[in-house]
Structures are given as structure tokens and as C-alpha cells.
Amino acid sequence: MRGWRGVGLVSGWQTVASLCFYAIFAATAFLRDDFGLSRTLVGVTITATMLGYTLLLFVMGALVDGYGERPVMIGGLLALGAGTTGVAVAPSYPALLVALLVIGGAYAAAMPATNRAVLAVAPPGRRNLAMSLKQVGVTVGSGLGAVLVTWIAATRFAWRGGFFVAAATAILVAVAFGYWYRGDGGHGSLGLPDVRGLLARPDYRTLAAAGFFYGGTIFTTTAYVVLYLTESTRVAAGVAGTTLALVQLTGSVGRIGGGALVDRLPGSDARASALVLCGQSLGGAACLAAVTLVDGPLAAAAGFGALGLFLFGIPATYYACMTALVPTDRVGEATAGGQLTINAGGLVAPPAFGYLVDTAGYTAGWSALAAGGALAALLVGWLLRLTET
């Protein structure tokens, strides 16, 4: 199945998985109202989701390398459907947190499995563009989740109806994916990941460290855009959800553009992707700082749209760089390690952002995220020195 058809199939799986996972980010304003949460506890819902994601990352990476991506992707999507149903029927805040743990754990299959899958099906010479197209599934899925949850919330089904739709979609796509995708088998055994060996590499270690700040900025922005717009600019939830979808749309453009640019730059894949990643990091930090200066719904939408182009375009280039640094048979565990640091940022930053907003206002929160983006740019600058030939 090598070719663009295979890339499209893997991208479709990623889109539906991200629809289920990111739907909760679009529902933060509704969770705050329904469960009577502070902004800090809204951040804790994201932390619970990220905790489930983080706990199973290396397990999923080992499963992918050992037994291939196909069974992991089918099982992961079915589990996402179950967890999303749990959110839709959650009667209390603790029950909601349990369902979010399930969603996070199931989504841990996504990056190790799809990164391995897209490398297996990518057309020759188009590796980075194929990776970017697959990563567009994340932004498209997140954007669909934002529109689905916020627009259905305006109907008689309320916000929970969006989660029922997402769950049904996940189950149907899991069946279709299992029928069409064959994939590559693994090496046939399940072993412990060689974390020490990976971290002994200065280039991998530096890129993984930058991932902490990428995770903090991306997950926090996704979690708080709807809440920020409904509270600070007083727009309707549907308009705020549409703005979040715009951020994901411009992020998709950034991912495709970044991958196409990497394929055309001279030098190794690792160095070319690191160069593009550095530019995206600087642009993202600048846009996060600028968000504190905008006022009014239209200006805010434009600011967040520009932010998406840079900040949300980063993950595709990050993974293109990471998979270029390691051998093919270690892509699963290397991706799991890189995603682990991204998730660590996602665990810490959302509640910290919420606390800053509760105590000092949104300007302090966005400024802290901008500082994190700047630190990531410095780390990637160091990575460029390590990849000099």
C-alpha cells in the first residue's frame, strides 16, 4: 500500500483519533458550567487526559515495534470510542476524570503507530511531506472536535451529543481501517525500551527537551482558547469553537508547508527539519506574546489564526526530525520518548496556566507560554549545532 492512498488511510485514522481526544479541549467552557469548576480544575481535566496518555506511551511504543502498528491502531481506536462514550454519560466530575484517563491511554497508540505506519507507506523521496500530511490529521481532527462539540451544544442534545457522535465515528472507522490496512509486522517480541540508549544521544536528548515546551504551549492553548474567548471577548461558544477550528486549520497549513520545505532544503533530513523547527518555534513564541495585545473578537481570531500557523505546525516537523535521528526499527520507542516529554508539558502547563489566570489574569498566562516557546527555540538552535556536518 505504499503511496498516497496509504498515506491517506493513515491520515484518516489519525483524524478520527484526534477528534475523540481533542473534543474535551473544546468542551472546557461547558465542563466549567456543568460541573461547577474553577479554571484550575478545568486544567486538571486536561491533566487527567494527559496522564492516561503518558502512562501508556512506552507500552504502546513497545507494542508497535514488537507486533506492528495495525493491531495497535485498531484496538486504540475502539478504546477511544469507549472512553468518549464514558465522557458523554459521566454523571460526576470523578467519573469524568476516569473516562478521560481511558481516552488518554487509548490515544497513546497514535504517535508511535502512525509514525511507523506513514514511514512504511510514504512514496519514495516524499517522507517529510507524508509525515506532515499524516500530522494534519491531528489538527483536522481537533478542529472537527471543536466544531462538533460547540455547535451541537447549541441544540437540544447539548455538548454531550458531540461525544456520542465522536464515539460512533471511532468504532466505524476502526472496522474500516482493519479491513483496508495491512501494514508492516514488528520484530515479533515485546521488550523494554532502551531509554538509556536514547537519552545518551545529545541530539535526541535536546530535541526531547524542547518537546516539553511544545507540549505545554500547544495543549494549553488548545484547552483554553474557547474559555478565553467566551470570558474575555464575550463571544458565543459556537464562535469560540469556530476560532479554535481556525487555529487548527492554519496549523494544518503550517504542517504541510513545513514538511514540503524540509523536503526541499539541502543537507540531511535531521538538519533540514531542525532548521524549519527553529523558525516555527520563534514564530510561535512571537505570536503567543502578541495574543496579549489583541482586543476584540475579530482581532483575537486573527491573532490565534497566526499562532496556529507557527505553533500548531510544529509537531509534524518535530516528529520528522526525531524519526530522522534514529534507526527505523527504533521509531516506536523513540517517538514514545519524544511524546513523553510533550505530554509532560501538557500535564504541568494547563493547570499552571489556569492558576495564573485565576490569580493574575490572562496576560500573565499567555506571557508565560510565550517564554516557554522561546526556550524551545533556544534548544532547537543548539540541536542545529549538534547536527552540523
Protein backbone atom coordinates (compact mmCIF):
# COMPACT_ATOMS: atom_id res chain seq x y z
CA MET A 1 0.00 0.00 0.00
CA ARG A 2 3.00 2.30 -0.39
CA GLY A 3 1.84 5.56 -1.97
CA TRP A 4 -0.53 8.44 -1.31
CA ARG A 5 -3.51 6.12 -0.84
CA GLY A 6 -1.77 4.55 2.15
CA VAL A 7 -0.83 7.98 3.49
CA GLY A 8 -4.48 9.00 3.20
CA LEU A 9 -5.65 5.92 5.11
CA VAL A 10 -3.23 6.53 7.97
CA SER A 11 -4.14 10.23 7.99
CA GLY A 12 -7.82 9.34 8.22
CA TRP A 13 -7.16 7.14 11.24
CA GLN A 14 -5.24 10.00 12.86
CA THR A 15 -8.07 12.44 12.15
CA VAL A 16 -10.71 10.32 13.89
CA ALA A 17 -8.44 9.50 16.84
CA SER A 18 -7.71 13.21 17.31
CA LEU A 19 -11.42 14.03 17.01
CA CYS A 20 -12.06 11.85 20.06
CA PHE A 21 -9.04 13.02 22.02
CA TYR A 22 -9.31 16.76 21.42
CA ALA A 23 -13.08 17.03 21.79
CA ILE A 24 -12.57 17.51 25.52
CA PHE A 25 -10.38 20.56 24.86
CA ALA A 26 -13.29 22.23 23.08
CA ALA A 27 -15.68 21.36 25.91
CA THR A 28 -13.85 23.23 28.69
CA ALA A 29 -16.41 26.05 28.93
CA PHE A 30 -19.26 23.51 29.20
CA LEU A 31 -17.41 21.45 31.81
CA ARG A 32 -16.90 24.60 33.87
CA ASP A 33 -20.63 25.29 33.83
CA ASP A 34 -21.97 21.73 34.22
CA PHE A 35 -19.63 20.60 36.99
CA GLY A 36 -19.07 23.99 38.67
CA LEU A 37 -15.29 24.00 38.13
CA SER A 38 -12.70 26.69 38.75
CA ARG A 39 -10.28 27.47 35.90
CA THR A 40 -7.63 25.49 37.75
CA LEU A 41 -9.88 22.39 37.88
CA VAL A 42 -10.60 22.85 34.18
CA GLY A 43 -6.84 22.47 33.74
CA VAL A 44 -6.94 19.31 35.88
CA THR A 45 -9.31 17.69 33.36
CA ILE A 46 -6.64 18.18 30.71
CA THR A 47 -4.02 16.84 33.13
CA ALA A 48 -6.10 13.68 33.66
CA THR A 49 -6.32 13.16 29.91
CA MET A 50 -2.58 13.72 29.51
CA LEU A 51 -1.82 11.40 32.44
CA GLY A 52 -3.57 8.46 30.77
CA TYR A 53 -1.76 9.34 27.55
CA THR A 54 1.63 9.49 29.26
CA LEU A 55 1.34 6.31 31.34
CA LEU A 56 0.87 4.07 28.30
CA LEU A 57 3.23 5.73 25.81
CA PHE A 58 6.17 3.36 26.19
CA VAL A 59 3.83 0.37 26.35
CA MET A 60 2.30 1.38 23.03
CA GLY A 61 5.70 2.10 21.51
CA ALA A 62 6.95 -1.35 22.51
CA LEU A 63 3.79 -2.99 21.15
CA VAL A 64 4.18 -1.20 17.82
CA ASP A 65 7.84 -2.18 17.43
CA GLY A 66 7.14 -5.75 18.59
CA TYR A 67 3.90 -6.65 16.80
CA GLY A 68 3.36 -3.98 14.18
CA GLU A 69 1.15 -0.93 14.03
CA ARG A 70 -2.07 -2.46 12.65
CA PRO A 71 -3.42 -4.27 15.76
CA VAL A 72 -2.41 -1.36 18.00
CA MET A 73 -4.23 1.16 15.80
CA ILE A 74 -7.42 -0.91 15.60
CA GLY A 75 -7.53 -1.55 19.35
CA GLY A 76 -6.63 2.03 20.16
CA LEU A 77 -9.47 3.48 18.10
CA LEU A 78 -12.01 1.10 19.64
CA ALA A 79 -10.82 2.10 23.13
CA LEU A 80 -11.12 5.78 22.17
CA GLY A 81 -14.73 5.15 21.21
CA ALA A 82 -15.37 3.57 24.62
CA GLY A 83 -13.72 6.42 26.52
CA THR A 84 -15.55 9.08 24.53
CA THR A 85 -18.84 7.37 25.35
CA GLY A 86 -17.80 7.49 29.01
CA VAL A 87 -17.40 11.27 28.82
CA ALA A 88 -20.83 11.60 27.23
CA VAL A 89 -22.54 9.73 30.09
CA ALA A 90 -20.35 10.87 33.02
CA PRO A 91 -22.65 11.75 35.96
CA SER A 92 -19.97 13.41 38.10
CA TYR A 93 -16.56 15.06 37.98
CA PRO A 94 -14.69 11.94 39.27
CA ALA A 95 -16.43 9.78 36.66
CA LEU A 96 -15.44 12.30 34.01
CA LEU A 97 -11.79 12.07 35.09
CA VAL A 98 -11.86 8.27 34.82
CA ALA A 99 -13.26 8.47 31.27
CA LEU A 100 -10.58 10.99 30.36
CA LEU A 101 -7.87 8.63 31.66
CA VAL A 102 -9.23 5.97 29.28
CA ILE A 103 -9.23 8.39 26.35
CA GLY A 104 -5.67 9.46 27.09
CA GLY A 105 -4.44 5.89 27.44
CA ALA A 106 -6.04 4.85 24.17
CA TYR A 107 -4.63 7.86 22.32
CA ALA A 108 -1.13 6.82 23.40
CA ALA A 109 -1.24 4.43 20.43
CA ALA A 110 -1.45 7.32 17.97
CA MET A 111 2.05 8.75 17.57
CA PRO A 112 4.17 5.55 17.76
CA ALA A 113 1.79 3.65 15.47
CA THR A 114 1.04 6.32 12.87
CA ASN A 115 4.67 7.47 12.63
CA ARG A 116 5.72 3.89 11.88
CA ALA A 117 2.80 3.42 9.51
CA VAL A 118 3.42 6.57 7.50
CA LEU A 119 7.10 5.71 7.06
CA ALA A 120 6.00 2.32 5.72
CA VAL A 121 3.62 3.78 3.11
CA ALA A 122 5.31 7.09 2.17
CA PRO A 123 6.23 7.47 -1.53
CA PRO A 124 9.98 7.47 -2.18
CA GLY A 125 11.58 10.87 -1.62
CA ARG A 126 8.44 12.35 -0.01
CA ARG A 127 8.99 11.16 3.54
CA ASN A 128 8.69 14.54 5.26
CA LEU A 129 5.65 15.67 3.27
CA ALA A 130 3.94 12.35 4.05
CA MET A 131 4.69 12.84 7.75
CA SER A 132 3.23 16.35 7.59
CA LEU A 133 0.07 15.16 5.85
CA LYS A 134 -0.39 12.49 8.50
CA GLN A 135 0.11 15.10 11.22
CA VAL A 136 -2.56 17.25 9.58
CA GLY A 137 -4.94 14.58 10.82
CA VAL A 138 -4.29 15.90 14.34
CA THR A 139 -5.28 19.47 13.51
CA VAL A 140 -8.19 18.45 11.30
CA GLY A 141 -9.49 16.10 13.98
CA SER A 142 -9.12 18.73 16.66
CA GLY A 143 -10.84 21.31 14.50
CA LEU A 144 -13.72 18.93 13.79
CA GLY A 145 -13.98 18.23 17.51
CA ALA A 146 -14.19 21.94 18.26
CA VAL A 147 -16.97 22.50 15.75
CA LEU A 148 -18.80 19.30 16.66
CA VAL A 149 -18.93 19.90 20.41
CA THR A 150 -19.61 23.65 20.39
CA TRP A 151 -22.21 23.59 17.64
CA ILE A 152 -24.10 20.54 18.91
CA ALA A 153 -24.08 22.23 22.33
CA ALA A 154 -26.49 24.77 20.87
CA THR A 155 -29.02 22.03 20.07
CA ARG A 156 -31.30 20.07 22.39
CA PHE A 157 -28.66 17.34 22.64
CA ALA A 158 -26.22 19.73 24.42
CA TRP A 159 -22.42 19.26 24.40
CA ARG A 160 -22.60 15.58 25.33
CA GLY A 161 -24.20 14.83 21.97
CA GLY A 162 -20.94 15.68 20.24
CA PHE A 163 -19.15 12.97 22.22
CA PHE A 164 -21.72 10.36 21.20
CA VAL A 165 -21.14 11.26 17.54
CA ALA A 166 -17.35 11.05 18.00
CA ALA A 167 -17.63 7.63 19.67
CA ALA A 168 -19.76 6.19 16.88
CA THR A 169 -17.36 7.54 14.26
CA ALA A 170 -14.36 5.95 16.02
CA ILE A 171 -15.96 2.49 16.06
CA LEU A 172 -16.96 2.64 12.39
CA VAL A 173 -13.52 3.84 11.27
CA ALA A 174 -11.76 1.17 13.36
CA VAL A 175 -13.67 -1.50 11.44
CA ALA A 176 -12.95 0.12 8.06
CA PHE A 177 -9.26 0.60 8.88
CA GLY A 178 -8.91 -3.03 9.91
CA TYR A 179 -10.35 -4.10 6.56
CA TRP A 180 -8.21 -1.85 4.31
CA TYR A 181 -4.85 -1.54 6.08
CA ARG A 182 -2.36 -4.42 6.23
CA GLY A 183 0.80 -2.65 7.50
CA ASP A 184 4.21 -3.99 8.48
CA GLY A 185 4.78 -6.61 11.14
CA GLY A 186 7.10 -6.00 14.06
CA HIS A 187 10.16 -7.94 15.14
CA GLY A 188 7.97 -10.45 16.99
CA SER A 189 8.84 -9.83 20.62
CA LEU A 190 7.91 -7.37 23.32
CA GLY A 191 10.92 -5.84 25.06
CA LEU A 192 11.66 -2.98 27.38
CA PRO A 193 12.52 0.28 25.59
CA ASP A 194 16.18 1.29 25.66
CA VAL A 195 15.54 4.66 27.25
CA ARG A 196 19.12 4.99 28.47
CA GLY A 197 20.46 4.41 24.97
CA LEU A 198 18.18 7.07 23.51
CA LEU A 199 18.98 9.64 26.17
CA ALA A 200 22.72 9.01 25.69
CA ARG A 201 22.39 10.72 22.31
CA PRO A 202 22.82 14.51 22.73
CA ASP A 203 20.75 15.29 19.62
CA TYR A 204 17.80 13.15 20.72
CA ARG A 205 18.04 14.45 24.29
CA THR A 206 17.99 18.08 23.15
CA LEU A 207 15.01 17.60 20.84
CA ALA A 208 13.08 15.71 23.51
CA ALA A 209 13.72 18.56 25.99
CA ALA A 210 12.26 21.05 23.52
CA GLY A 211 9.20 18.80 23.35
CA PHE A 212 8.34 19.68 26.96
CA PHE A 213 7.80 23.31 25.99
CA TYR A 214 5.97 22.41 22.79
CA GLY A 215 3.56 20.26 24.77
CA GLY A 216 2.99 22.95 27.36
CA THR A 217 2.20 25.65 24.80
CA ILE A 218 0.15 23.55 22.35
CA PHE A 219 -2.02 21.67 24.84
CA THR A 220 -2.65 24.74 26.99
CA THR A 221 -3.58 26.89 24.01
CA THR A 222 -5.95 24.21 22.74
CA ALA A 223 -7.52 23.82 26.18
CA TYR A 224 -8.11 27.50 26.91
CA VAL A 225 -8.92 29.19 23.59
CA VAL A 226 -12.67 28.58 23.90
CA LEU A 227 -12.79 29.55 27.58
CA TYR A 228 -10.62 32.63 27.00
CA LEU A 229 -12.76 33.91 24.13
CA THR A 230 -16.08 33.32 25.89
CA GLU A 231 -14.86 35.05 29.05
CA SER A 232 -12.66 37.85 27.69
CA THR A 233 -14.34 38.81 24.43
CA ARG A 234 -17.85 37.63 25.38
CA VAL A 235 -18.47 35.73 22.17
CA ALA A 236 -20.84 32.77 21.93
CA ALA A 237 -19.41 29.29 22.45
CA GLY A 238 -20.07 28.42 18.80
CA VAL A 239 -17.99 31.39 17.63
CA ALA A 240 -15.22 30.49 20.07
CA GLY A 241 -15.26 26.89 18.84
CA THR A 242 -15.05 28.11 15.25
CA THR A 243 -11.99 30.17 16.20
CA LEU A 244 -10.36 27.07 17.67
CA ALA A 245 -11.15 25.26 14.42
CA LEU A 246 -9.47 28.15 12.56
CA VAL A 247 -6.36 27.67 14.70
CA GLN A 248 -6.31 24.00 13.73
CA LEU A 249 -6.85 24.88 10.06
CA THR A 250 -3.90 27.27 9.97
CA GLY A 251 -1.94 24.65 11.91
CA SER A 252 -2.65 22.20 9.09
CA VAL A 253 -1.26 24.70 6.59
CA GLY A 254 1.82 25.11 8.78
CA ARG A 255 2.36 21.35 8.96
CA ILE A 256 2.08 20.79 5.22
CA GLY A 257 4.20 23.83 4.42
CA GLY A 258 6.86 22.80 6.94
CA GLY A 259 7.11 19.27 5.56
CA ALA A 260 7.29 20.43 1.94
CA LEU A 261 10.02 22.93 2.89
CA VAL A 262 12.08 20.29 4.71
CA ASP A 263 12.00 18.02 1.65
CA ARG A 264 13.46 20.84 -0.46
CA LEU A 265 16.21 22.04 1.87
CA PRO A 266 19.77 20.77 1.35
CA GLY A 267 21.53 18.58 3.90
CA SER A 268 20.30 15.69 5.99
CA ASP A 269 16.63 15.23 6.90
CA ALA A 270 17.51 15.79 10.56
CA ARG A 271 19.27 19.11 9.98
CA ALA A 272 16.72 20.42 7.46
CA SER A 273 13.80 19.66 9.78
CA ALA A 274 15.64 21.19 12.75
CA LEU A 275 16.15 24.40 10.78
CA VAL A 276 12.44 24.66 9.94
CA LEU A 277 11.54 23.75 13.53
CA CYS A 278 13.66 26.60 14.86
CA GLY A 279 11.83 29.10 12.66
CA GLN A 280 8.44 27.74 13.70
CA SER A 281 9.42 27.96 17.37
CA LEU A 282 10.43 31.60 17.10
CA GLY A 283 7.26 32.46 15.19
CA GLY A 284 5.10 30.66 17.75
CA ALA A 285 6.71 32.47 20.67
CA ALA A 286 6.19 35.83 18.96
CA CYS A 287 2.51 35.08 18.29
CA LEU A 288 1.91 33.98 21.89
CA ALA A 289 3.34 37.29 23.07
CA ALA A 290 1.17 39.17 20.57
CA VAL A 291 -2.03 37.46 21.79
CA THR A 292 -1.78 39.51 24.99
CA LEU A 293 -2.04 42.72 22.93
CA VAL A 294 -5.14 41.97 20.86
CA ASP A 295 -8.57 43.17 21.85
CA GLY A 296 -11.95 42.26 20.39
CA PRO A 297 -13.22 39.03 18.83
CA LEU A 298 -12.02 39.69 15.27
CA ALA A 299 -8.52 40.70 16.36
CA ALA A 300 -8.36 37.71 18.69
CA ALA A 301 -9.42 35.35 15.89
CA ALA A 302 -6.74 36.78 13.60
CA GLY A 303 -4.11 36.51 16.34
CA PHE A 304 -4.94 32.91 17.13
CA GLY A 305 -5.06 32.09 13.42
CA ALA A 306 -1.49 33.36 13.02
CA LEU A 307 -0.49 31.45 16.15
CA GLY A 308 -1.82 28.23 14.64
CA LEU A 309 0.29 28.69 11.51
CA PHE A 310 3.50 28.54 13.54
CA LEU A 311 2.83 26.82 16.87
CA PHE A 312 0.43 24.14 15.61
CA GLY A 313 2.63 23.45 12.61
CA ILE A 314 5.44 22.31 14.92
CA PRO A 315 4.53 18.65 15.72
CA ALA A 316 4.96 17.40 12.15
CA THR A 317 8.44 18.90 11.91
CA TYR A 318 9.28 17.70 15.42
CA TYR A 319 8.49 14.09 14.53
CA ALA A 320 10.14 14.33 11.12
CA CYS A 321 13.30 15.43 12.90
CA MET A 322 13.02 12.78 15.60
CA THR A 323 12.45 9.87 13.22
CA ALA A 324 15.42 11.06 11.13
CA LEU A 325 17.69 10.88 14.18
CA VAL A 326 17.09 7.18 14.98
CA PRO A 327 17.10 3.86 13.05
CA THR A 328 13.80 2.69 11.55
CA ASP A 329 13.46 -0.23 13.98
CA ARG A 330 13.51 2.19 16.91
CA VAL A 331 10.93 4.66 15.62
CA GLY A 332 8.22 3.39 18.00
CA GLU A 333 10.19 3.79 21.21
CA ALA A 334 11.90 7.00 20.05
CA THR A 335 8.51 8.52 19.23
CA ALA A 336 7.17 7.37 22.59
CA GLY A 337 10.07 9.09 24.35
CA GLY A 338 9.58 12.31 22.41
CA GLN A 339 5.84 12.25 23.02
CA LEU A 340 6.51 11.62 26.71
CA THR A 341 8.23 14.98 27.08
CA ILE A 342 5.47 16.69 25.09
CA ASN A 343 2.94 15.13 27.42
CA ALA A 344 4.93 16.20 30.48
CA GLY A 345 4.44 19.76 29.32
CA GLY A 346 0.75 19.01 28.78
CA LEU A 347 0.48 17.65 32.32
CA VAL A 348 2.04 20.67 34.02
CA ALA A 349 1.17 23.68 31.90
CA PRO A 350 -2.68 23.69 31.69
CA PRO A 351 -3.35 23.78 35.47
CA ALA A 352 -0.43 26.19 35.94
CA PHE A 353 -1.91 28.44 33.25
CA GLY A 354 -5.31 28.21 34.91
CA TYR A 355 -3.80 29.16 38.27
CA LEU A 356 -2.02 32.15 36.72
CA VAL A 357 -5.27 33.29 35.12
CA ASP A 358 -7.19 32.87 38.40
CA THR A 359 -4.59 34.90 40.31
CA ALA A 360 -3.04 37.33 37.82
CA GLY A 361 -5.16 37.32 34.65
CA TYR A 362 -4.88 36.00 31.12
CA THR A 363 -2.00 38.30 30.14
CA ALA A 364 0.27 36.60 32.68
CA GLY A 365 -0.74 33.17 31.41
CA TRP A 366 -0.13 33.90 27.72
CA SER A 367 3.17 35.62 28.53
CA ALA A 368 4.38 32.53 30.42
CA LEU A 369 3.56 30.36 27.41
CA ALA A 370 5.49 32.75 25.14
CA ALA A 371 8.54 32.38 27.39
CA GLY A 372 8.27 28.59 27.08
CA GLY A 373 8.16 28.86 23.29
CA ALA A 374 11.30 30.99 23.34
CA LEU A 375 13.13 28.39 25.44
CA ALA A 376 12.16 25.69 22.93
CA ALA A 377 13.64 27.82 20.13
CA LEU A 378 16.93 28.06 22.05
CA LEU A 379 17.07 24.27 22.45
CA VAL A 380 16.45 23.68 18.75
CA GLY A 381 19.16 26.22 17.99
CA TRP A 382 21.52 24.02 19.99
CA LEU A 383 20.27 20.98 18.08
CA LEU A 384 21.28 22.70 14.85
CA ARG A 385 24.83 22.90 16.14
CA LEU A 386 24.76 19.20 17.02
CA THR A 387 23.59 18.25 13.50
CA GLU A 388 26.27 20.23 11.68
CA THR A 389 28.07 18.14 9.08
